[in-house]
């Protein structure tokens, strides 16, 4: 699409539809889907956290800490860590009702002991998409 604004809208709609499908199938197969922001996931070192700038044509992540990974593997590790740290909403919402940011699954009763972690479905495995 030549119109940049229209192209962005089409792209946003496509990602939204993709996310809806992921969430639908997560519920259908008793899994948990956690959406995370992908910003800098391929540039941030999954070992030490330093941002290592690279062009899109650079396919490897090579950090001064010694970490050497394929760019996509590094990004996948960072996305997994973001999802683990995000967890779900650990407290109650503004209406006083216990809540979670994850929809469509039965989760353990929320509790917060100062540590973030992935909420675990009762009697089900956990899958991060």
Protein backbone atom coordinates (compact mmCIF):
# COMPACT_ATOMS: atom_id res chain seq x y z
CA UNK A 1 0.00 0.00 0.00
CA UNK A 2 1.45 3.35 -1.05
CA UNK A 3 -0.35 5.38 1.61
CA UNK A 4 1.84 5.00 4.71
CA UNK A 5 -1.00 5.75 7.16
CA UNK A 6 -3.28 3.22 5.50
CA UNK A 7 -0.49 0.63 5.43
CA UNK A 8 0.05 1.11 9.17
CA UNK A 9 -3.68 0.67 9.84
CA UNK A 10 -3.78 -2.53 7.78
CA UNK A 11 -0.70 -3.85 9.57
CA UNK A 12 -2.17 -2.99 12.99
CA UNK A 13 -5.43 -4.73 12.09
CA UNK A 14 -3.53 -7.82 10.95
CA UNK A 15 -1.58 -8.06 14.20
CA UNK A 16 -4.77 -7.54 16.20
CA UNK A 17 -6.47 -10.38 14.33
CA UNK A 18 -3.41 -12.60 14.84
CA UNK A 19 -3.48 -11.85 18.58
CA UNK A 20 -7.20 -12.69 18.73
CA UNK A 21 -6.50 -16.07 17.10
CA UNK A 22 -3.67 -16.81 19.54
CA UNK A 23 -5.89 -15.95 22.52
CA UNK A 24 -8.77 -18.01 21.11
CA UNK A 25 -6.64 -21.12 20.61
CA UNK A 26 -4.95 -20.68 24.00
CA UNK A 27 -8.36 -20.89 25.65
CA UNK A 28 -9.48 -23.75 23.39
CA UNK A 29 -6.44 -25.86 24.28
CA UNK A 30 -6.30 -24.84 27.96
CA UNK A 31 -3.13 -22.79 27.58
CA UNK A 32 -2.19 -19.28 28.63
CA UNK A 33 -1.27 -16.56 26.13
CA UNK A 34 0.56 -13.48 27.40
CA UNK A 35 1.08 -10.52 25.07
CA UNK A 36 4.35 -8.62 25.50
CA UNK A 37 5.79 -5.58 23.74
CA UNK A 38 8.44 -6.70 21.23
CA UNK A 39 10.48 -3.48 21.39
CA UNK A 40 14.27 -4.06 21.47
CA UNK A 41 13.89 -7.81 22.09
CA UNK A 42 16.44 -8.67 19.41
CA UNK A 43 18.85 -5.91 20.45
CA UNK A 44 18.80 -6.40 24.22
CA UNK A 45 21.27 -9.05 25.40
CA UNK A 46 19.37 -11.92 27.03
CA UNK A 47 22.39 -12.61 29.27
CA UNK A 48 23.38 -9.20 30.62
CA UNK A 49 20.64 -6.79 29.48
CA UNK A 50 22.88 -4.43 27.48
CA UNK A 51 21.40 -2.99 24.27
CA UNK A 52 23.55 -4.11 21.32
CA UNK A 53 22.50 -2.05 18.27
CA UNK A 54 22.45 -3.96 14.99
CA UNK A 55 20.96 -3.59 11.54
CA UNK A 56 18.18 -5.86 10.30
CA UNK A 57 20.67 -7.64 8.05
CA UNK A 58 22.78 -8.72 11.06
CA UNK A 59 21.47 -12.18 11.94
CA UNK A 60 23.59 -12.90 15.03
CA UNK A 61 23.68 -11.34 18.48
CA UNK A 62 27.26 -10.87 19.68
CA UNK A 63 27.59 -9.10 23.05
CA UNK A 64 30.71 -7.98 24.91
CA UNK A 65 29.63 -10.24 27.82
CA UNK A 66 30.41 -13.25 25.60
CA UNK A 67 26.84 -14.07 24.60
CA UNK A 68 26.72 -15.23 20.96
CA UNK A 69 23.28 -16.31 19.69
CA UNK A 70 21.15 -16.19 16.58
CA UNK A 71 19.27 -12.88 16.64
CA UNK A 72 15.86 -14.62 16.75
CA UNK A 73 16.93 -16.94 19.58
CA UNK A 74 18.07 -13.95 21.62
CA UNK A 75 14.73 -12.22 20.94
CA UNK A 76 12.77 -15.36 21.90
CA UNK A 77 14.60 -15.59 25.24
CA UNK A 78 13.89 -11.91 25.92
CA UNK A 79 10.20 -12.33 25.04
CA UNK A 80 9.95 -15.36 27.34
CA UNK A 81 11.55 -13.39 30.18
CA UNK A 82 9.17 -10.46 29.59
CA UNK A 83 6.19 -12.82 29.72
CA UNK A 84 7.44 -14.45 32.93
CA UNK A 85 7.95 -11.05 34.55
CA UNK A 86 4.58 -9.75 33.38
CA UNK A 87 2.60 -12.56 34.99
CA UNK A 88 -0.95 -11.37 35.32
CA UNK A 89 -2.48 -8.70 37.47
CA UNK A 90 -1.40 -9.77 40.97
CA UNK A 91 -3.94 -7.69 42.91
CA UNK A 92 -7.56 -6.57 42.68
CA UNK A 93 -8.92 -4.12 40.13
CA UNK A 94 -10.52 -0.73 40.81
CA UNK A 95 -13.94 -2.28 41.46
CA UNK A 96 -12.51 -4.49 44.21
CA UNK A 97 -12.99 -7.69 42.21
CA UNK A 98 -10.06 -10.09 41.97
CA UNK A 99 -8.75 -9.86 38.43
CA UNK A 100 -6.12 -10.99 36.01
CA UNK A 101 -4.95 -9.55 32.70
CA UNK A 102 -5.46 -12.99 31.15
CA UNK A 103 -8.93 -13.78 29.84
CA UNK A 104 -10.80 -17.00 29.34
CA UNK A 105 -8.94 -19.26 31.77
CA UNK A 106 -9.47 -20.23 35.38
CA UNK A 107 -6.46 -19.05 37.34
CA UNK A 108 -5.32 -19.58 40.87
CA UNK A 109 -6.56 -17.03 43.37
CA UNK A 110 -4.30 -14.00 42.89
CA UNK A 111 -1.78 -13.38 45.63
CA UNK A 112 1.18 -11.07 45.76
CA UNK A 113 4.28 -11.75 47.81
CA UNK A 114 6.50 -9.22 46.03
CA UNK A 115 7.67 -11.67 43.35
CA UNK A 116 6.36 -11.61 39.77
CA UNK A 117 5.68 -14.92 38.06
CA UNK A 118 3.42 -16.54 35.50
CA UNK A 119 -0.03 -17.41 36.87
CA UNK A 120 -0.65 -21.13 36.64
CA UNK A 121 -3.96 -22.55 35.45
CA UNK A 122 -5.51 -25.06 37.81
CA UNK A 123 -4.79 -28.64 36.67
CA UNK A 124 -3.33 -27.44 33.38
CA UNK A 125 0.05 -26.92 31.79
CA UNK A 126 1.36 -23.46 31.05
CA UNK A 127 2.26 -22.33 27.57
CA UNK A 128 3.56 -18.94 26.64
CA UNK A 129 2.82 -17.74 23.15
